C-alpha atoms as a PDB file:
ATOM      1  CA  UNK A   1     157.072 109.599  74.829  1.00  0.00           C
ATOM      2  CA  UNK A   2     154.592 111.664  72.846  1.00  0.00           C
ATOM      3  CA  UNK A   3     156.321 113.635  70.104  1.00  0.00           C
ATOM      4  CA  UNK A   4     155.227 116.919  68.564  1.00  0.00           C
ATOM      5  CA  UNK A   5     154.534 115.283  65.219  1.00  0.00           C
ATOM      6  CA  UNK A   6     153.079 112.029  66.497  1.00  0.00           C
ATOM      7  CA  UNK A   7     149.586 111.074  65.370  1.00  0.00           C
ATOM      8  CA  UNK A   8     146.955 112.142  67.878  1.00  0.00           C
ATOM      9  CA  UNK A   9     145.813 109.635  70.482  1.00  0.00           C
ATOM     10  CA  UNK A  10     142.537 109.424  72.405  1.00  0.00           C
ATOM     11  CA  UNK A  11     142.921 109.138  76.168  1.00  0.00           C
ATOM     12  CA  UNK A  12     140.134 108.147  78.582  1.00  0.00           C
ATOM     13  CA  UNK A  13     140.145 109.929  81.936  1.00  0.00           C
ATOM     14  CA  UNK A  14     139.407 109.077  85.544  1.00  0.00           C
ATOM     15  CA  UNK A  15     139.005 111.785  88.183  1.00  0.00           C
ATOM     16  CA  UNK A  16     139.042 110.469  91.742  1.00  0.00           C
ATOM     17  CA  UNK A  17     137.249 112.148  94.631  1.00  0.00           C
ATOM     18  CA  UNK A  18     136.538 110.417  97.951  1.00  0.00           C
ATOM     19  CA  UNK A  19     137.654 107.108  96.382  1.00  0.00           C
ATOM     20  CA  UNK A  20     134.986 107.391  93.695  1.00  0.00           C
ATOM     21  CA  UNK A  21     135.085 108.083  89.980  1.00  0.00           C
ATOM     22  CA  UNK A  22     133.562 111.511  89.321  1.00  0.00           C
ATOM     23  CA  UNK A  23     133.463 114.342  86.803  1.00  0.00           C
ATOM     24  CA  UNK A  24     133.494 117.966  87.849  1.00  0.00           C
ATOM     25  CA  UNK A  25     131.457 120.627  86.100  1.00  0.00           C
ATOM     26  CA  UNK A  26     133.692 123.476  84.934  1.00  0.00           C
ATOM     27  CA  UNK A  27     136.244 122.733  87.623  1.00  0.00           C
ATOM     28  CA  UNK A  28     133.863 123.278  90.523  1.00  0.00           C
ATOM     29  CA  UNK A  29     134.761 120.873  93.345  1.00  0.00           C
ATOM     30  CA  UNK A  30     131.232 121.180  94.705  1.00  0.00           C
ATOM     31  CA  UNK A  31     129.562 120.528  91.364  1.00  0.00           C
ATOM     32  CA  UNK A  32     130.371 116.959  90.469  1.00  0.00           C
ATOM     33  CA  UNK A  33     128.644 113.784  89.395  1.00  0.00           C
ATOM     34  CA  UNK A  34     129.554 110.325  90.635  1.00  0.00           C
ATOM     35  CA  UNK A  35     129.821 107.799  87.814  1.00  0.00           C
ATOM     36  CA  UNK A  36     131.406 104.835  89.567  1.00  0.00           C
ATOM     37  CA  UNK A  37     131.679 103.937  93.243  1.00  0.00           C
ATOM     38  CA  UNK A  38     135.212 102.786  92.465  1.00  0.00           C
ATOM     39  CA  UNK A  39     137.488 103.718  89.540  1.00  0.00           C
ATOM     40  CA  UNK A  40     138.409 100.035  89.299  1.00  0.00           C
ATOM     41  CA  UNK A  41     134.993  99.412  87.743  1.00  0.00           C
ATOM     42  CA  UNK A  42     136.102 101.060  84.492  1.00  0.00           C
ATOM     43  CA  UNK A  43     139.016  98.715  83.751  1.00  0.00           C
ATOM     44  CA  UNK A  44     136.952  96.328  81.626  1.00  0.00           C
ATOM     45  CA  UNK A  45     134.688  99.108  80.381  1.00  0.00           C
ATOM     46  CA  UNK A  46     137.638 101.075  78.988  1.00  0.00           C
ATOM     47  CA  UNK A  47     139.176  97.898  77.468  1.00  0.00           C
ATOM     48  CA  UNK A  48     142.546  98.739  78.985  1.00  0.00           C
ATOM     49  CA  UNK A  49     145.614  96.735  78.025  1.00  0.00           C
ATOM     50  CA  UNK A  50     149.381  97.158  78.073  1.00  0.00           C
ATOM     51  CA  UNK A  51     149.281  99.589  75.141  1.00  0.00           C
ATOM     52  CA  UNK A  52     146.495 101.770  76.583  1.00  0.00           C
ATOM     53  CA  UNK A  53     147.065 105.243  78.015  1.00  0.00           C
ATOM     54  CA  UNK A  54     144.880 106.418  80.890  1.00  0.00           C
ATOM     55  CA  UNK A  55     144.692 109.881  82.435  1.00  0.00           C
ATOM     56  CA  UNK A  56     144.118 109.896  86.216  1.00  0.00           C
ATOM     57  CA  UNK A  57     143.674 112.900  88.493  1.00  0.00           C
ATOM     58  CA  UNK A  58     143.586 112.697  92.276  1.00  0.00           C
ATOM     59  CA  UNK A  59     141.181 115.612  92.817  1.00  0.00           C
ATOM     60  CA  UNK A  60     141.448 115.402  96.595  1.00  0.00           C
ATOM     61  CA  UNK A  61     145.217 115.461  96.317  1.00  0.00           C
ATOM     62  CA  UNK A  62     145.119 118.529  94.081  1.00  0.00           C
ATOM     63  CA  UNK A  63     143.191 120.464  96.729  1.00  0.00           C
ATOM     64  CA  UNK A  64     145.100 119.240  99.783  1.00  0.00           C
ATOM     65  CA  UNK A  65     148.542 119.314  98.194  1.00  0.00           C
ATOM     66  CA  UNK A  66     149.422 115.676  98.841  1.00  0.00           C
ATOM     67  CA  UNK A  67     148.186 112.267  97.648  1.00  0.00           C
ATOM     68  CA  UNK A  68     144.801 111.375  99.107  1.00  0.00           C
ATOM     69  CA  UNK A  69     143.973 108.282  97.028  1.00  0.00           C
ATOM     70  CA  UNK A  70     147.397 106.649  96.793  1.00  0.00           C
ATOM     71  CA  UNK A  71     146.370 103.117  97.791  1.00  0.00           C
ATOM     72  CA  UNK A  72     143.411 103.121  95.410  1.00  0.00           C
ATOM     73  CA  UNK A  73     145.610 104.319  92.553  1.00  0.00           C
ATOM     74  CA  UNK A  74     148.179 101.642  93.394  1.00  0.00           C
ATOM     75  CA  UNK A  75     145.489  98.949  93.273  1.00  0.00           C
ATOM     76  CA  UNK A  76     144.202 100.319  89.991  1.00  0.00           C
ATOM     77  CA  UNK A  77     147.638 100.248  88.366  1.00  0.00           C
ATOM     78  CA  UNK A  78     148.184  96.643  89.471  1.00  0.00           C
ATOM     79  CA  UNK A  79     144.882  95.508  88.002  1.00  0.00           C
ATOM     80  CA  UNK A  80     144.836  97.641  84.856  1.00  0.00           C
ATOM     81  CA  UNK A  81     148.388  96.991  83.613  1.00  0.00           C
ATOM     82  CA  UNK A  82     148.371 100.030  81.326  1.00  0.00           C
ATOM     83  CA  UNK A  83     150.261 103.301  80.885  1.00  0.00           C
ATOM     84  CA  UNK A  84     149.159 105.819  83.509  1.00  0.00           C
ATOM     85  CA  UNK A  85     149.660 109.578  83.346  1.00  0.00           C
ATOM     86  CA  UNK A  86     148.836 110.939  86.782  1.00  0.00           C
ATOM     87  CA  UNK A  87     148.331 114.341  88.385  1.00  0.00           C
ATOM     88  CA  UNK A  88     146.939 115.806  91.568  1.00  0.00           C
ATOM     89  CA  UNK A  89     148.827 116.726  94.741  1.00  0.00           C
ATOM     90  CA  UNK A  90     152.306 115.912  93.457  1.00  0.00           C
ATOM     91  CA  UNK A  91     154.431 118.674  94.972  1.00  0.00           C
ATOM     92  CA  UNK A  92     157.700 117.114  96.097  1.00  0.00           C
ATOM     93  CA  UNK A  93     160.246 114.541  94.953  1.00  0.00           C
ATOM     94  CA  UNK A  94     159.170 111.949  97.516  1.00  0.00           C
ATOM     95  CA  UNK A  95     155.704 111.868  95.959  1.00  0.00           C
ATOM     96  CA  UNK A  96     157.142 111.663  92.444  1.00  0.00           C
ATOM     97  CA  UNK A  97     159.313 108.699  93.448  1.00  0.00           C
ATOM     98  CA  UNK A  98     156.435 106.919  95.226  1.00  0.00           C
ATOM     99  CA  UNK A  99     154.233 107.110  92.153  1.00  0.00           C
ATOM    100  CA  UNK A 100     156.956 106.080  89.729  1.00  0.00           C
ATOM    101  CA  UNK A 101     157.798 103.144  91.994  1.00  0.00           C
ATOM    102  CA  UNK A 102     154.248 101.765  91.769  1.00  0.00           C
ATOM    103  CA  UNK A 103     154.223 101.943  87.983  1.00  0.00           C
ATOM    104  CA  UNK A 104     152.988 105.398  86.965  1.00  0.00           C
ATOM    105  CA  UNK A 105     154.362 106.166  83.496  1.00  0.00           C
ATOM    106  CA  UNK A 106     154.103 109.972  83.455  1.00  0.00           C
ATOM    107  CA  UNK A 107     153.880 112.465  86.302  1.00  0.00           C
ATOM    108  CA  UNK A 108     151.778 115.584  85.697  1.00  0.00           C
ATOM    109  CA  UNK A 109     152.725 118.692  87.684  1.00  0.00           C
ATOM    110  CA  UNK A 110     150.413 121.683  88.010  1.00  0.00           C
ATOM    111  CA  UNK A 111     150.424 123.871  91.119  1.00  0.00           C
ATOM    112  CA  UNK A 112     154.108 123.292  91.833  1.00  0.00           C
ATOM    113  CA  UNK A 113     155.134 124.563  88.382  1.00  0.00           C
ATOM    114  CA  UNK A 114     154.577 128.137  89.544  1.00  0.00           C
ATOM    115  CA  UNK A 115     155.045 127.736  93.294  1.00  0.00           C
ATOM    116  CA  UNK A 116     158.185 125.599  93.429  1.00  0.00           C
ATOM    117  CA  UNK A 117     160.298 125.906  90.294  1.00  0.00           C
ATOM    118  CA  UNK A 118     163.333 124.244  91.900  1.00  0.00           C
ATOM    119  CA  UNK A 119     161.240 121.108  92.409  1.00  0.00           C
ATOM    120  CA  UNK A 120     160.105 121.254  88.780  1.00  0.00           C
ATOM    121  CA  UNK A 121     163.686 121.567  87.501  1.00  0.00           C
ATOM    122  CA  UNK A 122     164.896 118.772  89.793  1.00  0.00           C
ATOM    123  CA  UNK A 123     162.096 116.433  88.734  1.00  0.00           C
ATOM    124  CA  UNK A 124     162.848 117.033  85.039  1.00  0.00           C
ATOM    125  CA  UNK A 125     166.561 116.470  85.651  1.00  0.00           C
ATOM    126  CA  UNK A 126     166.093 113.224  87.588  1.00  0.00           C
ATOM    127  CA  UNK A 127     163.351 111.815  85.363  1.00  0.00           C
ATOM    128  CA  UNK A 128     163.784 113.211  81.850  1.00  0.00           C
ATOM    129  CA  UNK A 129     160.812 112.648  79.598  1.00  0.00           C
ATOM    130  CA  UNK A 130     158.575 111.399  82.411  1.00  0.00           C
ATOM    131  CA  UNK A 131     157.456 114.775  83.739  1.00  0.00           C
ATOM    132  CA  UNK A 132     154.495 116.590  82.201  1.00  0.00           C
ATOM    133  CA  UNK A 133     152.959 119.987  82.920  1.00  0.00           C
ATOM    134  CA  UNK A 134     149.305 120.787  83.405  1.00  0.00           C
ATOM    135  CA  UNK A 135     148.167 124.188  82.126  1.00  0.00           C
ATOM    136  CA  UNK A 136     144.660 124.763  83.502  1.00  0.00           C
ATOM    137  CA  UNK A 137     143.095 127.992  82.341  1.00  0.00           C
ATOM    138  CA  UNK A 138     139.934 130.011  82.737  1.00  0.00           C
ATOM    139  CA  UNK A 139     139.811 132.962  80.337  1.00  0.00           C
ATOM    140  CA  UNK A 140     143.544 132.480  79.727  1.00  0.00           C
ATOM    141  CA  UNK A 141     144.353 132.798  83.455  1.00  0.00           C
ATOM    142  CA  UNK A 142     145.992 129.915  85.323  1.00  0.00           C
ATOM    143  CA  UNK A 143     144.060 128.232  88.138  1.00  0.00           C
ATOM    144  CA  UNK A 144     145.825 125.903  90.561  1.00  0.00           C
ATOM    145  CA  UNK A 145     145.256 123.994  93.829  1.00  0.00           C
ATOM    146  CA  UNK A 146     142.616 121.847  92.209  1.00  0.00           C
ATOM    147  CA  UNK A 147     141.242 124.818  90.286  1.00  0.00           C
ATOM    148  CA  UNK A 148     140.284 126.554  93.537  1.00  0.00           C
ATOM    149  CA  UNK A 149     142.801 129.395  93.226  1.00  0.00           C
ATOM    150  CA  UNK A 150     143.189 131.967  90.462  1.00  0.00           C
ATOM    151  CA  UNK A 151     146.911 132.688  90.293  1.00  0.00           C
ATOM    152  CA  UNK A 152     146.398 135.953  88.423  1.00  0.00           C
ATOM    153  CA  UNK A 153     148.979 134.802  85.903  1.00  0.00           C
ATOM    154  CA  UNK A 154     148.534 134.210  82.198  1.00  0.00           C
ATOM    155  CA  UNK A 155     149.223 130.792  80.672  1.00  0.00           C
ATOM    156  CA  UNK A 156     152.123 132.348  78.720  1.00  0.00           C
ATOM    157  CA  UNK A 157     154.085 132.304  81.987  1.00  0.00           C
ATOM    158  CA  UNK A 158     154.098 128.510  82.125  1.00  0.00           C
ATOM    159  CA  UNK A 159     154.664 128.038  78.404  1.00  0.00           C
ATOM    160  CA  UNK A 160     157.781 130.210  78.503  1.00  0.00           C
ATOM    161  CA  UNK A 161     159.051 128.628  81.707  1.00  0.00           C
ATOM    162  CA  UNK A 162     158.941 124.992  80.573  1.00  0.00           C
ATOM    163  CA  UNK A 163     159.926 125.379  76.917  1.00  0.00           C
ATOM    164  CA  UNK A 164     163.549 124.338  77.403  1.00  0.00           C
ATOM    165  CA  UNK A 165     162.970 121.698  80.063  1.00  0.00           C
ATOM    166  CA  UNK A 166     162.830 117.978  79.370  1.00  0.00           C
ATOM    167  CA  UNK A 167     159.035 117.918  79.566  1.00  0.00           C
ATOM    168  CA  UNK A 168     157.126 115.082  77.909  1.00  0.00           C
ATOM    169  CA  UNK A 169     154.020 117.114  77.063  1.00  0.00           C
ATOM    170  CA  UNK A 170     151.611 119.819  78.191  1.00  0.00           C
ATOM    171  CA  UNK A 171     148.050 118.977  79.204  1.00  0.00           C
ATOM    172  CA  UNK A 172     145.916 122.023  78.465  1.00  0.00           C
ATOM    173  CA  UNK A 173     142.523 122.101  80.158  1.00  0.00           C
ATOM    174  CA  UNK A 174     139.955 124.728  79.275  1.00  0.00           C
ATOM    175  CA  UNK A 175     138.195 124.794  82.642  1.00  0.00           C
ATOM    176  CA  UNK A 176     135.133 126.533  81.245  1.00  0.00           C
ATOM    177  CA  UNK A 177     134.567 123.538  78.946  1.00  0.00           C
ATOM    178  CA  UNK A 178     135.640 120.765  81.308  1.00  0.00           C
ATOM    179  CA  UNK A 179     132.800 118.375  82.101  1.00  0.00           C
ATOM    180  CA  UNK A 180     130.336 120.657  80.349  1.00  0.00           C
ATOM    181  CA  UNK A 181     130.092 118.713  77.068  1.00  0.00           C
ATOM    182  CA  UNK A 182     129.852 122.040  75.266  1.00  0.00           C
ATOM    183  CA  UNK A 183     132.370 121.407  72.509  1.00  0.00           C
ATOM    184  CA  UNK A 184     136.106 121.980  72.323  1.00  0.00           C
ATOM    185  CA  UNK A 185     137.519 125.497  72.382  1.00  0.00           C
ATOM    186  CA  UNK A 186     139.167 125.173  68.973  1.00  0.00           C
ATOM    187  CA  UNK A 187     140.407 128.773  68.882  1.00  0.00           C
ATOM    188  CA  UNK A 188     142.075 128.422  72.271  1.00  0.00           C
ATOM    189  CA  UNK A 189     143.502 125.020  71.372  1.00  0.00           C
ATOM    190  CA  UNK A 190     145.043 126.310  68.144  1.00  0.00           C
ATOM    191  CA  UNK A 191     146.596 129.188  70.048  1.00  0.00           C
ATOM    192  CA  UNK A 192     148.090 126.806  72.600  1.00  0.00           C
ATOM    193  CA  UNK A 193     149.499 124.537  69.891  1.00  0.00           C
ATOM    194  CA  UNK A 194     151.057 127.473  68.040  1.00  0.00           C
ATOM    195  CA  UNK A 195     152.689 128.930  71.150  1.00  0.00           C
ATOM    196  CA  UNK A 196     153.944 125.691  72.664  1.00  0.00           C
ATOM    197  CA  UNK A 197     157.138 124.099  71.436  1.00  0.00           C
ATOM    198  CA  UNK A 198     156.111 121.019  73.390  1.00  0.00           C
ATOM    199  CA  UNK A 199     153.458 118.440  72.462  1.00  0.00           C
ATOM    200  CA  UNK A 200     149.972 119.410  73.624  1.00  0.00           C
ATOM    201  CA  UNK A 201     147.207 117.164  74.912  1.00  0.00           C
ATOM    202  CA  UNK A 202     143.784 118.807  74.999  1.00  0.00           C
ATOM    203  CA  UNK A 203     141.265 118.340  77.801  1.00  0.00           C
ATOM    204  CA  UNK A 204     137.779 119.756  78.251  1.00  0.00           C
ATOM    205  CA  UNK A 205     134.732 119.970  76.037  1.00  0.00           C
ATOM    206  CA  UNK A 206     134.698 116.683  74.104  1.00  0.00           C
ATOM    207  CA  UNK A 207     130.993 116.109  73.487  1.00  0.00           C
ATOM    208  CA  UNK A 208     130.474 113.558  70.739  1.00  0.00           C
ATOM    209  CA  UNK A 209     132.012 111.624  67.874  1.00  0.00           C
ATOM    210  CA  UNK A 210     132.033 114.723  65.680  1.00  0.00           C
ATOM    211  CA  UNK A 211     134.560 116.396  67.999  1.00  0.00           C
ATOM    212  CA  UNK A 212     136.973 113.485  67.689  1.00  0.00           C
ATOM    213  CA  UNK A 213     136.577 113.266  63.928  1.00  0.00           C
ATOM    214  CA  UNK A 214     137.152 117.012  63.567  1.00  0.00           C
ATOM    215  CA  UNK A 215     140.361 116.827  65.590  1.00  0.00           C
ATOM    216  CA  UNK A 216     141.634 113.858  63.607  1.00  0.00           C
ATOM    217  CA  UNK A 217     140.833 115.478  60.248  1.00  0.00           C
ATOM    218  CA  UNK A 218     142.257 118.889  61.131  1.00  0.00           C
ATOM    219  CA  UNK A 219     144.829 118.515  63.922  1.00  0.00           C
ATOM    220  CA  UNK A 220     146.034 114.941  63.630  1.00  0.00           C
ATOM    221  CA  UNK A 221     149.649 115.949  62.990  1.00  0.00           C
ATOM    222  CA  UNK A 222     149.859 118.823  65.481  1.00  0.00           C
ATOM    223  CA  UNK A 223     147.850 117.706  68.517  1.00  0.00           C
ATOM    224  CA  UNK A 224     149.442 114.936  70.596  1.00  0.00           C
ATOM    225  CA  UNK A 225     146.238 113.731  72.203  1.00  0.00           C
ATOM    226  CA  UNK A 226     142.744 114.466  73.454  1.00  0.00           C
ATOM    227  CA  UNK A 227     141.306 113.445  76.809  1.00  0.00           C
ATOM    228  CA  UNK A 228     137.766 112.080  76.966  1.00  0.00           C
ATOM    229  CA  UNK A 229     135.844 112.045  80.229  1.00  0.00           C
ATOM    230  CA  UNK A 230     132.164 112.749  80.717  1.00  0.00           C
ATOM    231  CA  UNK A 231     131.276 111.915  77.100  1.00  0.00           C
ATOM    232  CA  UNK A 232     132.550 108.381  77.723  1.00  0.00           C
ATOM    233  CA  UNK A 233     130.721 107.924  81.003  1.00  0.00           C
ATOM    234  CA  UNK A 234     127.426 109.153  79.601  1.00  0.00           C
ATOM    235  CA  UNK A 235     127.637 107.040  76.441  1.00  0.00           C
ATOM    236  CA  UNK A 236     127.951 109.890  73.928  1.00  0.00           C
ATOM    237  CA  UNK A 237     131.221 108.238  72.851  1.00  0.00           C
ATOM    238  CA  UNK A 238     132.258 104.614  73.287  1.00  0.00           C
ATOM    239  CA  UNK A 239     135.675 102.994  73.432  1.00  0.00           C
ATOM    240  CA  UNK A 240     134.712 100.920  70.380  1.00  0.00           C
ATOM    241  CA  UNK A 241     133.992 104.110  68.413  1.00  0.00           C
ATOM    242  CA  UNK A 242     137.278 105.633  69.538  1.00  0.00           C
ATOM    243  CA  UNK A 243     139.182 102.580  68.324  1.00  0.00           C
ATOM    244  CA  UNK A 244     137.313 102.723  65.026  1.00  0.00           C
ATOM    245  CA  UNK A 245     138.216 106.385  64.492  1.00  0.00           C
ATOM    246  CA  UNK A 246     141.843 105.707  65.428  1.00  0.00           C
ATOM    247  CA  UNK A 247     142.137 102.935  62.870  1.00  0.00           C
ATOM    248  CA  UNK A 248     140.543 104.781  59.935  1.00  0.00           C
END
């Protein structure tokens, strides 16, 4: 489990759409770039091992409300043999159990946090420490259903709701920065860290090595992790560089 005071970790990401590895641009399902014809191609590239953590999102599942790439994800887990934190279309206990049964380490809930609180509470009760919450915001407002729906609710609503639950961590995504390689929203990130009593993992905006070094030098003790996506695929950051930063 990631603790509030644990040293920050760097987490590579895979977003799956139509069985392919893609990155969206600012959360737009129609504005995406295909990087790999199969996510399995990144296993060696990401140098994954039993101690690695990988962030996977079933984008199709997030939109349709149920797993759409289950078999592919199952194959990936078998081959990769690493710690998987997974989100996208997980909206009932059957889906939670199916993913945990195939080896997913952490389940990330998003849409269901606001639409089905009884499911959220039940999942946290049955699997303490293995449930995580995704807080996806655009101008502080929560978007759900694969970022296709503006809920009209402020992120404070989720923060207050999950504070006392047995949540492993919060994944905060600044949708306006996601896949844009425009730099991390430091002001927004600091605000999220201050308001959350839970560990926070940041997603969206990582552009180059300087971003990672800044986070390590300034937020190493308060930020649980940072997710790297497009910057990895386009070579602005490499896994070797990430390991070097982690170890220095």
